[in-house]
Amino acid sequence: LDVYYPEDVKGKLPVIVDIHGGGWMYATKDLNKIYCQYL
């Protein structure tokens, strides 16, 4: 798994846990990396 958060963070932040798609047959977390970083 990966963890992403803003570099200039102050205090604690709410958390999002993301599970990628891919028809149960395809992909890893890297498929959603850009999406998760925008979050």
PDB file of all heavy atoms in Angstrom:
ATOM      1  N   LEU A   1       0.834  -1.199   0.000  1.00  0.00           N
ATOM      2  CA  LEU A   1       0.000   0.000   0.000  1.00  0.00           C
ATOM      3  C   LEU A   1       0.869   1.248   0.000  1.00  0.00           C
ATOM      4  O   LEU A   1       2.052   1.212   0.359  1.00  0.00           O
ATOM      5  CB  LEU A   1      -0.971  -0.006   1.183  1.00  0.00           C
ATOM      6  CG  LEU A   1      -0.423  -0.059   2.613  1.00  0.00           C
ATOM      7  CD1 LEU A   1      -0.045   1.334   3.127  1.00  0.00           C
ATOM      8  CD2 LEU A   1      -1.454  -0.686   3.549  1.00  0.00           C
ATOM      9  N   ASP A   2       0.281   2.350  -0.438  1.00  0.00           N
ATOM     10  CA  ASP A   2       0.938   3.662  -0.443  1.00  0.00           C
ATOM     11  C   ASP A   2       0.196   4.609   0.492  1.00  0.00           C
ATOM     12  O   ASP A   2      -0.985   4.402   0.795  1.00  0.00           O
ATOM     13  CB  ASP A   2       0.920   4.286  -1.843  1.00  0.00           C
ATOM     14  CG  ASP A   2       1.714   3.495  -2.868  1.00  0.00           C
ATOM     15  OD1 ASP A   2       2.499   2.610  -2.461  1.00  0.00           O
ATOM     16  OD2 ASP A   2       1.533   3.763  -4.070  1.00  0.00           O
ATOM     17  N   VAL A   3       0.899   5.682   0.899  1.00  0.00           N
ATOM     18  CA  VAL A   3       0.292   6.751   1.692  1.00  0.00           C
ATOM     19  C   VAL A   3       0.653   8.085   1.037  1.00  0.00           C
ATOM     20  O   VAL A   3       1.809   8.308   0.657  1.00  0.00           O
ATOM     21  CB  VAL A   3       0.815   6.758   3.142  1.00  0.00           C
ATOM     22  CG1 VAL A   3       0.032   7.770   3.974  1.00  0.00           C
ATOM     23  CG2 VAL A   3       0.740   5.378   3.759  1.00  0.00           C
ATOM     24  N   TYR A   4      -0.333   8.965   0.896  1.00  0.00           N
ATOM     25  CA  TYR A   4      -0.113  10.301   0.348  1.00  0.00           C
ATOM     26  C   TYR A   4      -0.761  11.337   1.269  1.00  0.00           C
ATOM     27  O   TYR A   4      -1.859  11.102   1.786  1.00  0.00           O
ATOM     28  CB  TYR A   4      -0.744  10.446  -1.046  1.00  0.00           C
ATOM     29  CG  TYR A   4      -0.557   9.266  -1.964  1.00  0.00           C
ATOM     30  CD1 TYR A   4      -1.661   8.504  -2.383  1.00  0.00           C
ATOM     31  CD2 TYR A   4       0.701   8.903  -2.439  1.00  0.00           C
ATOM     32  CE1 TYR A   4      -1.511   7.427  -3.233  1.00  0.00           C
ATOM     33  CE2 TYR A   4       0.861   7.828  -3.295  1.00  0.00           C
ATOM     34  CZ  TYR A   4      -0.241   7.087  -3.689  1.00  0.00           C
ATOM     35  OH  TYR A   4      -0.102   6.015  -4.528  1.00  0.00           O
ATOM     36  N   TYR A   5      -0.094  12.478   1.439  1.00  0.00           N
ATOM     37  CA  TYR A   5      -0.688  13.584   2.189  1.00  0.00           C
ATOM     38  C   TYR A   5       0.062  14.870   1.851  1.00  0.00           C
ATOM     39  O   TYR A   5       1.203  14.833   1.366  1.00  0.00           O
ATOM     40  CB  TYR A   5      -0.675  13.320   3.696  1.00  0.00           C
ATOM     41  CG  TYR A   5       0.674  13.029   4.311  1.00  0.00           C
ATOM     42  CD1 TYR A   5       1.478  14.056   4.814  1.00  0.00           C
ATOM     43  CD2 TYR A   5       1.147  11.722   4.408  1.00  0.00           C
ATOM     44  CE1 TYR A   5       2.712  13.786   5.384  1.00  0.00           C
ATOM     45  CE2 TYR A   5       2.378  11.447   4.975  1.00  0.00           C
ATOM     46  CZ  TYR A   5       3.151  12.482   5.467  1.00  0.00           C
ATOM     47  OH  TYR A   5       4.372  12.213   6.026  1.00  0.00           O
ATOM     48  N   PRO A   6      -0.545  16.039   2.088  1.00  0.00           N
ATOM     49  CA  PRO A   6       0.104  17.310   1.749  1.00  0.00           C
ATOM     50  C   PRO A   6       1.402  17.518   2.521  1.00  0.00           C
ATOM     51  O   PRO A   6       1.498  17.201   3.711  1.00  0.00           O
ATOM     52  CB  PRO A   6      -0.949  18.361   2.150  1.00  0.00           C
ATOM     53  CG  PRO A   6      -2.238  17.624   2.161  1.00  0.00           C
ATOM     54  CD  PRO A   6      -1.917  16.227   2.605  1.00  0.00           C
ATOM     55  N   GLU A   7       2.413  18.059   1.856  1.00  0.00           N
ATOM     56  CA  GLU A   7       3.703  18.287   2.500  1.00  0.00           C
ATOM     57  C   GLU A   7       3.623  19.319   3.620  1.00  0.00           C
ATOM     58  O   GLU A   7       4.353  19.243   4.595  1.00  0.00           O
ATOM     59  CB  GLU A   7       4.731  18.743   1.454  1.00  0.00           C
ATOM     60  CG  GLU A   7       5.133  17.644   0.474  1.00  0.00           C
ATOM     61  CD  GLU A   7       6.121  18.131  -0.561  1.00  0.00           C
ATOM     62  OE1 GLU A   7       6.295  19.370  -0.688  1.00  0.00           O
ATOM     63  OE2 GLU A   7       6.717  17.287  -1.269  1.00  0.00           O
ATOM     64  N   ASP A   8       2.751  20.293   3.467  1.00  0.00           N
ATOM     65  CA  ASP A   8       2.660  21.389   4.439  1.00  0.00           C
ATOM     66  C   ASP A   8       1.600  21.133   5.501  1.00  0.00           C
ATOM     67  O   ASP A   8       0.991  22.059   6.039  1.00  0.00           O
ATOM     68  CB  ASP A   8       2.365  22.704   3.729  1.00  0.00           C
ATOM     69  CG  ASP A   8       1.060  22.663   2.919  1.00  0.00           C
ATOM     70  OD1 ASP A   8       0.477  21.563   2.793  1.00  0.00           O
ATOM     71  OD2 ASP A   8       0.643  23.716   2.420  1.00  0.00           O
ATOM     72  N   VAL A   9       1.373  19.857   5.825  1.00  0.00           N
ATOM     73  CA  VAL A   9       0.314  19.497   6.754  1.00  0.00           C
ATOM     74  C   VAL A   9       0.576  20.064   8.148  1.00  0.00           C
ATOM     75  O   VAL A   9       1.708  20.099   8.626  1.00  0.00           O
ATOM     76  CB  VAL A   9       0.162  17.961   6.826  1.00  0.00           C
ATOM     77  CG1 VAL A   9       1.443  17.305   7.304  1.00  0.00           C
ATOM     78  CG2 VAL A   9      -0.992  17.566   7.726  1.00  0.00           C
ATOM     79  N   LYS A  10      -0.509  20.534   8.781  1.00  0.00           N
ATOM     80  CA  LYS A  10      -0.471  20.999  10.164  1.00  0.00           C
ATOM     81  C   LYS A  10      -1.615  20.326  10.919  1.00  0.00           C
ATOM     82  O   LYS A  10      -2.778  20.541  10.604  1.00  0.00           O
ATOM     83  CB  LYS A  10      -0.612  22.520  10.226  1.00  0.00           C
ATOM     84  CG  LYS A  10       0.548  23.272   9.592  1.00  0.00           C
ATOM     85  CD  LYS A  10       0.351  24.785   9.688  1.00  0.00           C
ATOM     86  CE  LYS A  10       1.511  25.536   9.046  1.00  0.00           C
ATOM     87  NZ  LYS A  10       1.312  27.017   9.105  1.00  0.00           N
ATOM     88  N   GLY A  11      -1.277  19.552  11.913  1.00  0.00           N
ATOM     89  CA  GLY A  11      -2.298  18.829  12.649  1.00  0.00           C
ATOM     90  C   GLY A  11      -2.722  17.561  11.931  1.00  0.00           C
ATOM     91  O   GLY A  11      -2.115  17.131  10.951  1.00  0.00           O
ATOM     92  N   LYS A  12      -3.777  16.989  12.407  1.00  0.00           N
ATOM     93  CA  LYS A  12      -4.272  15.729  11.853  1.00  0.00           C
ATOM     94  C   LYS A  12      -5.299  15.978  10.749  1.00  0.00           C
ATOM     95  O   LYS A  12      -6.075  16.929  10.814  1.00  0.00           O
ATOM     96  CB  LYS A  12      -4.874  14.866  12.968  1.00  0.00           C
ATOM     97  CG  LYS A  12      -3.847  14.426  14.017  1.00  0.00           C
ATOM     98  CD  LYS A  12      -4.469  13.467  15.005  1.00  0.00           C
ATOM     99  CE  LYS A  12      -3.447  13.032  16.059  1.00  0.00           C
ATOM    100  NZ  LYS A  12      -2.344  12.273  15.441  1.00  0.00           N
ATOM    101  N   LEU A  13      -5.291  15.106   9.759  1.00  0.00           N
ATOM    102  CA  LEU A  13      -6.169  15.243   8.602  1.00  0.00           C
ATOM    103  C   LEU A  13      -7.139  14.072   8.524  1.00  0.00           C
ATOM    104  O   LEU A  13      -6.808  12.951   8.931  1.00  0.00           O
ATOM    105  CB  LEU A  13      -5.337  15.273   7.318  1.00  0.00           C
ATOM    106  CG  LEU A  13      -4.305  16.390   7.176  1.00  0.00           C
ATOM    107  CD1 LEU A  13      -3.508  16.197   5.881  1.00  0.00           C
ATOM    108  CD2 LEU A  13      -4.980  17.753   7.194  1.00  0.00           C
ATOM    109  N   PRO A  14      -8.337  14.319   7.983  1.00  0.00           N
ATOM    110  CA  PRO A  14      -9.244  13.194   7.720  1.00  0.00           C
ATOM    111  C   PRO A  14      -8.612  12.232   6.725  1.00  0.00           C
ATOM    112  O   PRO A  14      -7.723  12.600   5.951  1.00  0.00           O
ATOM    113  CB  PRO A  14     -10.496  13.872   7.151  1.00  0.00           C
ATOM    114  CG  PRO A  14     -10.039  15.215   6.686  1.00  0.00           C
ATOM    115  CD  PRO A  14      -8.910  15.614   7.570  1.00  0.00           C
ATOM    116  N   VAL A  15      -9.071  11.005   6.752  1.00  0.00           N
ATOM    117  CA  VAL A  15      -8.417   9.911   6.019  1.00  0.00           C
ATOM    118  C   VAL A  15      -9.340   9.339   4.950  1.00  0.00           C
ATOM    119  O   VAL A  15     -10.546   9.191   5.167  1.00  0.00           O
ATOM    120  CB  VAL A  15      -8.014   8.794   7.003  1.00  0.00           C
ATOM    121  CG1 VAL A  15      -7.423   7.599   6.256  1.00  0.00           C
ATOM    122  CG2 VAL A  15      -7.033   9.327   8.045  1.00  0.00           C
ATOM    123  N   ILE A  16      -8.748   9.012   3.798  1.00  0.00           N
ATOM    124  CA  ILE A  16      -9.457   8.296   2.739  1.00  0.00           C
ATOM    125  C   ILE A  16      -8.691   7.011   2.440  1.00  0.00           C
ATOM    126  O   ILE A  16      -7.478   7.028   2.261  1.00  0.00           O
ATOM    127  CB  ILE A  16      -9.585   9.131   1.456  1.00  0.00           C
ATOM    128  CG1 ILE A  16     -10.423  10.394   1.702  1.00  0.00           C
ATOM    129  CG2 ILE A  16     -10.196   8.302   0.329  1.00  0.00           C
ATOM    130  CD1 ILE A  16     -10.500  11.326   0.507  1.00  0.00           C
ATOM    131  N   VAL A  17      -9.410   5.896   2.398  1.00  0.00           N
ATOM    132  CA  VAL A  17      -8.839   4.616   1.976  1.00  0.00           C
ATOM    133  C   VAL A  17      -9.468   4.257   0.638  1.00  0.00           C
ATOM    134  O   VAL A  17     -10.696   4.187   0.525  1.00  0.00           O
ATOM    135  CB  VAL A  17      -9.114   3.497   3.002  1.00  0.00           C
ATOM    136  CG1 VAL A  17      -8.527   2.176   2.506  1.00  0.00           C
ATOM    137  CG2 VAL A  17      -8.536   3.864   4.371  1.00  0.00           C
ATOM    138  N   ASP A  18      -8.630   4.036  -0.377  1.00  0.00           N
ATOM    139  CA  ASP A  18      -9.146   3.797  -1.723  1.00  0.00           C
ATOM    140  C   ASP A  18      -8.837   2.381  -2.197  1.00  0.00           C
ATOM    141  O   ASP A  18      -7.740   1.857  -1.982  1.00  0.00           O
ATOM    142  CB  ASP A  18      -8.533   4.787  -2.716  1.00  0.00           C
ATOM    143  CG  ASP A  18      -9.098   4.609  -4.110  1.00  0.00           C
ATOM    144  OD1 ASP A  18     -10.310   4.813  -4.284  1.00  0.00           O
ATOM    145  OD2 ASP A  18      -8.330   4.248  -5.032  1.00  0.00           O
ATOM    146  N   ILE A  19      -9.827   1.768  -2.862  1.00  0.00           N
ATOM    147  CA  ILE A  19      -9.678   0.438  -3.448  1.00  0.00           C
ATOM    148  C   ILE A  19      -9.892   0.555  -4.956  1.00  0.00           C
ATOM    149  O   ILE A  19     -10.974   0.935  -5.408  1.00  0.00           O
ATOM    150  CB  ILE A  19     -10.689  -0.558  -2.856  1.00  0.00           C
ATOM    151  CG1 ILE A  19     -10.596  -0.582  -1.328  1.00  0.00           C
ATOM    152  CG2 ILE A  19     -10.437  -1.962  -3.421  1.00  0.00           C
ATOM    153  CD1 ILE A  19     -11.650  -1.456  -0.660  1.00  0.00           C
ATOM    154  N   HIS A  20      -8.879   0.227  -5.727  1.00  0.00           N
ATOM    155  CA  HIS A  20      -8.950   0.396  -7.180  1.00  0.00           C
ATOM    156  C   HIS A  20      -9.879  -0.622  -7.824  1.00  0.00           C
ATOM    157  O   HIS A  20     -10.187  -1.677  -7.260  1.00  0.00           O
ATOM    158  CB  HIS A  20      -7.550   0.285  -7.793  1.00  0.00           C
ATOM    159  CG  HIS A  20      -6.980  -1.107  -7.780  1.00  0.00           C
ATOM    160  ND1 HIS A  20      -7.305  -2.062  -8.724  1.00  0.00           N
ATOM    161  CD2 HIS A  20      -6.101  -1.714  -6.935  1.00  0.00           C
ATOM    162  CE1 HIS A  20      -6.662  -3.186  -8.482  1.00  0.00           C
ATOM    163  NE2 HIS A  20      -5.928  -3.014  -7.390  1.00  0.00           N
ATOM    164  N   GLY A  21     -10.307  -0.306  -9.039  1.00  0.00           N
ATOM    165  CA  GLY A  21     -11.098  -1.230  -9.834  1.00  0.00           C
ATOM    166  C   GLY A  21     -10.220  -2.032 -10.784  1.00  0.00           C
ATOM    167  O   GLY A  21      -9.007  -2.100 -10.623  1.00  0.00           O
ATOM    168  N   GLY A  22     -10.862  -2.613 -11.806  1.00  0.00           N
ATOM    169  CA  GLY A  22     -10.129  -3.427 -12.765  1.00  0.00           C
ATOM    170  C   GLY A  22     -10.741  -4.803 -12.964  1.00  0.00           C
ATOM    171  O   GLY A  22     -10.058  -5.752 -13.316  1.00  0.00           O
ATOM    172  N   GLY A  23     -12.061  -4.892 -12.742  1.00  0.00           N
ATOM    173  CA  GLY A  23     -12.766  -6.133 -13.018  1.00  0.00           C
ATOM    174  C   GLY A  23     -12.302  -7.315 -12.205  1.00  0.00           C
ATOM    175  O   GLY A  23     -12.490  -8.464 -12.620  1.00  0.00           O
ATOM    176  N   TRP A  24     -11.693  -7.078 -11.047  1.00  0.00           N
ATOM    177  CA  TRP A  24     -11.177  -8.114 -10.143  1.00  0.00           C
ATOM    178  C   TRP A  24      -9.991  -8.884 -10.735  1.00  0.00           C
ATOM    179  O   TRP A  24      -9.376  -9.689 -10.063  1.00  0.00           O
ATOM    180  CB  TRP A  24     -12.261  -9.117  -9.733  1.00  0.00           C
ATOM    181  CG  TRP A  24     -13.429  -8.482  -9.076  1.00  0.00           C
ATOM    182  CD1 TRP A  24     -13.542  -8.107  -7.774  1.00  0.00           C
ATOM    183  CD2 TRP A  24     -14.667  -8.125  -9.697  1.00  0.00           C
ATOM    184  NE1 TRP A  24     -14.767  -7.535  -7.537  1.00  0.00           N
ATOM    185  CE2 TRP A  24     -15.488  -7.538  -8.721  1.00  0.00           C
ATOM    186  CE3 TRP A  24     -15.163  -8.241 -11.002  1.00  0.00           C
ATOM    187  CZ2 TRP A  24     -16.771  -7.072  -8.987  1.00  0.00           C
ATOM    188  CZ3 TRP A  24     -16.430  -7.776 -11.275  1.00  0.00           C
ATOM    189  CH2 TRP A  24     -17.224  -7.208 -10.275  1.00  0.00           C
ATOM    190  N   MET A  25      -9.659  -8.590 -12.014  1.00  0.00           N
ATOM    191  CA  MET A  25      -8.610  -9.350 -12.708  1.00  0.00           C
ATOM    192  C   MET A  25      -7.400  -8.501 -13.079  1.00  0.00           C
ATOM    193  O   MET A  25      -6.391  -9.046 -13.537  1.00  0.00           O
ATOM    194  CB  MET A  25      -9.176  -9.964 -14.003  1.00  0.00           C
ATOM    195  CG  MET A  25     -10.223 -11.030 -13.801  1.00  0.00           C
ATOM    196  SD  MET A  25     -10.687 -11.842 -15.366  1.00  0.00           S
ATOM    197  CE  MET A  25      -9.194 -12.786 -15.711  1.00  0.00           C
ATOM    198  N   TYR A  26      -7.490  -7.205 -12.895  1.00  0.00           N
ATOM    199  CA  TYR A  26      -6.482  -6.313 -13.482  1.00  0.00           C
ATOM    200  C   TYR A  26      -6.090  -5.209 -12.517  1.00  0.00           C
ATOM    201  O   TYR A  26      -6.892  -4.748 -11.731  1.00  0.00           O
ATOM    202  CB  TYR A  26      -7.051  -5.718 -14.782  1.00  0.00           C
ATOM    203  CG  TYR A  26      -6.440  -4.406 -15.217  1.00  0.00           C
ATOM    204  CD1 TYR A  26      -5.097  -4.330 -15.573  1.00  0.00           C
ATOM    205  CD2 TYR A  26      -7.200  -3.244 -15.277  1.00  0.00           C
ATOM    206  CE1 TYR A  26      -4.536  -3.128 -15.975  1.00  0.00           C
ATOM    207  CE2 TYR A  26      -6.648  -2.046 -15.687  1.00  0.00           C
ATOM    208  CZ  TYR A  26      -5.314  -1.987 -16.037  1.00  0.00           C
ATOM    209  OH  TYR A  26      -4.756  -0.792 -16.433  1.00  0.00           O
ATOM    210  N   ALA A  27      -4.828  -4.809 -12.605  1.00  0.00           N
ATOM    211  CA  ALA A  27      -4.295  -3.596 -11.990  1.00  0.00           C
ATOM    212  C   ALA A  27      -3.766  -3.800 -10.572  1.00  0.00           C
ATOM    213  O   ALA A  27      -3.982  -4.833  -9.924  1.00  0.00           O
ATOM    214  CB  ALA A  27      -5.308  -2.451 -12.014  1.00  0.00           C
ATOM    215  N   THR A  28      -3.075  -2.770 -10.125  1.00  0.00           N
ATOM    216  CA  THR A  28      -2.606  -2.633  -8.750  1.00  0.00           C
ATOM    217  C   THR A  28      -2.991  -1.235  -8.293  1.00  0.00           C
ATOM    218  O   THR A  28      -3.633  -0.476  -9.029  1.00  0.00           O
ATOM    219  CB  THR A  28      -1.077  -2.793  -8.638  1.00  0.00           C
ATOM    220  OG1 THR A  28      -0.448  -1.683  -9.324  1.00  0.00           O
ATOM    221  CG2 THR A  28      -0.603  -4.105  -9.243  1.00  0.00           C
ATOM    222  N   LYS A  29      -2.538  -0.863  -7.125  1.00  0.00           N
ATOM    223  CA  LYS A  29      -2.780   0.476  -6.596  1.00  0.00           C
ATOM    224  C   LYS A  29      -2.283   1.576  -7.527  1.00  0.00           C
ATOM    225  O   LYS A  29      -2.816   2.696  -7.521  1.00  0.00           O
ATOM    226  CB  LYS A  29      -2.099   0.632  -5.235  1.00  0.00           C
ATOM    227  CG  LYS A  29      -0.592   0.349  -5.265  1.00  0.00           C
ATOM    228  CD  LYS A  29       0.004   0.388  -3.872  1.00  0.00           C
ATOM    229  CE  LYS A  29       1.448  -0.096  -3.837  1.00  0.00           C
ATOM    230  NZ  LYS A  29       2.382   0.607  -4.721  1.00  0.00           N
ATOM    231  N   ASP A  30      -1.273   1.259  -8.362  1.00  0.00           N
ATOM    232  CA  ASP A  30      -0.719   2.277  -9.256  1.00  0.00           C
ATOM    233  C   ASP A  30      -1.749   2.820 -10.237  1.00  0.00           C
ATOM    234  O   ASP A  30      -1.620   3.936 -10.745  1.00  0.00           O
ATOM    235  CB  ASP A  30       0.477   1.719 -10.022  1.00  0.00           C
ATOM    236  CG  ASP A  30       1.662   1.416  -9.110  1.00  0.00           C
ATOM    237  OD1 ASP A  30       1.685   1.956  -7.986  1.00  0.00           O
ATOM    238  OD2 ASP A  30       2.551   0.654  -9.510  1.00  0.00           O
ATOM    239  N   LEU A  31      -2.788   2.022 -10.528  1.00  0.00           N
ATOM    240  CA  LEU A  31      -3.843   2.485 -11.432  1.00  0.00           C
ATOM    241  C   LEU A  31      -4.499   3.746 -10.898  1.00  0.00           C
ATOM    242  O   LEU A  31      -4.887   4.632 -11.671  1.00  0.00           O
ATOM    243  CB  LEU A  31      -4.889   1.378 -11.602  1.00  0.00           C
ATOM    244  CG  LEU A  31      -6.084   1.697 -12.502  1.00  0.00           C
ATOM    245  CD1 LEU A  31      -5.634   1.902 -13.941  1.00  0.00           C
ATOM    246  CD2 LEU A  31      -7.127   0.583 -12.425  1.00  0.00           C
ATOM    247  N   ASN A  32      -4.637   3.858  -9.572  1.00  0.00           N
ATOM    248  CA  ASN A  32      -5.344   4.980  -8.951  1.00  0.00           C
ATOM    249  C   ASN A  32      -4.410   5.987  -8.284  1.00  0.00           C
ATOM    250  O   ASN A  32      -4.867   6.835  -7.520  1.00  0.00           O
ATOM    251  CB  ASN A  32      -6.346   4.462  -7.922  1.00  0.00           C
ATOM    252  CG  ASN A  32      -7.608   3.916  -8.560  1.00  0.00           C
ATOM    253  OD1 ASN A  32      -7.625   3.606  -9.742  1.00  0.00           O
ATOM    254  ND2 ASN A  32      -8.670   3.788  -7.788  1.00  0.00           N
ATOM    255  N   LYS A  33      -3.126   5.899  -8.551  1.00  0.00           N
ATOM    256  CA  LYS A  33      -2.162   6.764  -7.870  1.00  0.00           C
ATOM    257  C   LYS A  33      -2.458   8.241  -8.099  1.00  0.00           C
ATOM    258  O   LYS A  33      -2.483   9.044  -7.155  1.00  0.00           O
ATOM    259  CB  LYS A  33      -0.746   6.441  -8.332  1.00  0.00           C
ATOM    260  CG  LYS A  33       0.324   7.321  -7.699  1.00  0.00           C
ATOM    261  CD  LYS A  33       1.722   6.871  -8.104  1.00  0.00           C
ATOM    262  CE  LYS A  33       2.781   7.746  -7.428  1.00  0.00           C
ATOM    263  NZ  LYS A  33       4.159   7.271  -7.741  1.00  0.00           N
ATOM    264  N   ILE A  34      -2.674   8.625  -9.353  1.00  0.00           N
ATOM    265  CA  ILE A  34      -2.914  10.044  -9.657  1.00  0.00           C
ATOM    266  C   ILE A  34      -4.209  10.508  -9.003  1.00  0.00           C
ATOM    267  O   ILE A  34      -4.263  11.588  -8.398  1.00  0.00           O
ATOM    268  CB  ILE A  34      -2.938  10.259 -11.184  1.00  0.00           C
ATOM    269  CG1 ILE A  34      -1.540  10.022 -11.759  1.00  0.00           C
ATOM    270  CG2 ILE A  34      -3.422  11.674 -11.523  1.00  0.00           C
ATOM    271  CD1 ILE A  34      -1.462  10.070 -13.265  1.00  0.00           C
ATOM    272  N   TYR A  35      -5.242   9.712  -9.105  1.00  0.00           N
ATOM    273  CA  TYR A  35      -6.519  10.020  -8.462  1.00  0.00           C
ATOM    274  C   TYR A  35      -6.334  10.221  -6.959  1.00  0.00           C
ATOM    275  O   TYR A  35      -6.803  11.220  -6.389  1.00  0.00           O
ATOM    276  CB  TYR A  35      -7.492   8.878  -8.749  1.00  0.00           C
ATOM    277  CG  TYR A  35      -8.751   8.857  -7.925  1.00  0.00           C
ATOM    278  CD1 TYR A  35      -9.695   9.863  -8.031  1.00  0.00           C
ATOM    279  CD2 TYR A  35      -9.017   7.780  -7.069  1.00  0.00           C
ATOM    280  CE1 TYR A  35     -10.875   9.816  -7.294  1.00  0.00           C
ATOM    281  CE2 TYR A  35     -10.189   7.728  -6.335  1.00  0.00           C
ATOM    282  CZ  TYR A  35     -11.112   8.749  -6.452  1.00  0.00           C
ATOM    283  OH  TYR A  35     -12.268   8.699  -5.718  1.00  0.00           O
ATOM    284  N   CYS A  36      -5.635   9.315  -6.319  1.00  0.00           N
ATOM    285  CA  CYS A  36      -5.437   9.403  -4.869  1.00  0.00           C
ATOM    286  C   CYS A  36      -4.626  10.631  -4.485  1.00  0.00           C
ATOM    287  O   CYS A  36      -4.882  11.256  -3.446  1.00  0.00           O
ATOM    288  CB  CYS A  36      -4.759   8.137  -4.354  1.00  0.00           C
ATOM    289  SG  CYS A  36      -5.821   6.682  -4.327  1.00  0.00           S
ATOM    290  N   GLN A  37      -3.656  11.003  -5.302  1.00  0.00           N
ATOM    291  CA  GLN A  37      -2.859  12.184  -4.987  1.00  0.00           C
ATOM    292  C   GLN A  37      -3.674  13.469  -5.156  1.00  0.00           C
ATOM    293  O   GLN A  37      -3.474  14.434  -4.421  1.00  0.00           O
ATOM    294  CB  GLN A  37      -1.592  12.213  -5.824  1.00  0.00           C
ATOM    295  CG  GLN A  37      -0.630  11.096  -5.456  1.00  0.00           C
ATOM    296  CD  GLN A  37       0.827  11.474  -5.643  1.00  0.00           C
ATOM    297  OE1 GLN A  37       1.177  12.621  -5.864  1.00  0.00           O
ATOM    298  NE2 GLN A  37       1.703  10.485  -5.531  1.00  0.00           N
ATOM    299  N   TYR A  38      -4.601  13.470  -6.097  1.00  0.00           N
ATOM    300  CA  TYR A  38      -5.492  14.628  -6.213  1.00  0.00           C
ATOM    301  C   TYR A  38      -6.431  14.727  -5.023  1.00  0.00           C
ATOM    302  O   TYR A  38      -6.800  15.834  -4.599  1.00  0.00           O
ATOM    303  CB  TYR A  38      -6.276  14.579  -7.529  1.00  0.00           C
ATOM    304  CG  TYR A  38      -5.549  15.254  -8.667  1.00  0.00           C
ATOM    305  CD1 TYR A  38      -4.665  14.548  -9.468  1.00  0.00           C
ATOM    306  CD2 TYR A  38      -5.711  16.615  -8.929  1.00  0.00           C
ATOM    307  CE1 TYR A  38      -3.969  15.166 -10.501  1.00  0.00           C
ATOM    308  CE2 TYR A  38      -5.026  17.247  -9.955  1.00  0.00           C
ATOM    309  CZ  TYR A  38      -4.154  16.520 -10.739  1.00  0.00           C
ATOM    310  OH  TYR A  38      -3.460  17.138 -11.750  1.00  0.00           O
ATOM    311  N   LEU A  39      -6.811  13.593  -4.471  1.00  0.00           N
ATOM    312  CA  LEU A  39      -7.599  13.614  -3.235  1.00  0.00           C
ATOM    313  C   LEU A  39      -6.752  14.152  -2.081  1.00  0.00           C
ATOM    314  O   LEU A  39      -7.220  14.972  -1.281  1.00  0.00           O
ATOM    315  CB  LEU A  39      -8.105  12.209  -2.907  1.00  0.00           C
ATOM    316  CG  LEU A  39      -9.142  11.595  -3.843  1.00  0.00           C
ATOM    317  CD1 LEU A  39      -9.478  10.176  -3.392  1.00  0.00           C
ATOM    318  CD2 LEU A  39     -10.410  12.437  -3.899  1.00  0.00           C
TER     319      LEU A  39
END
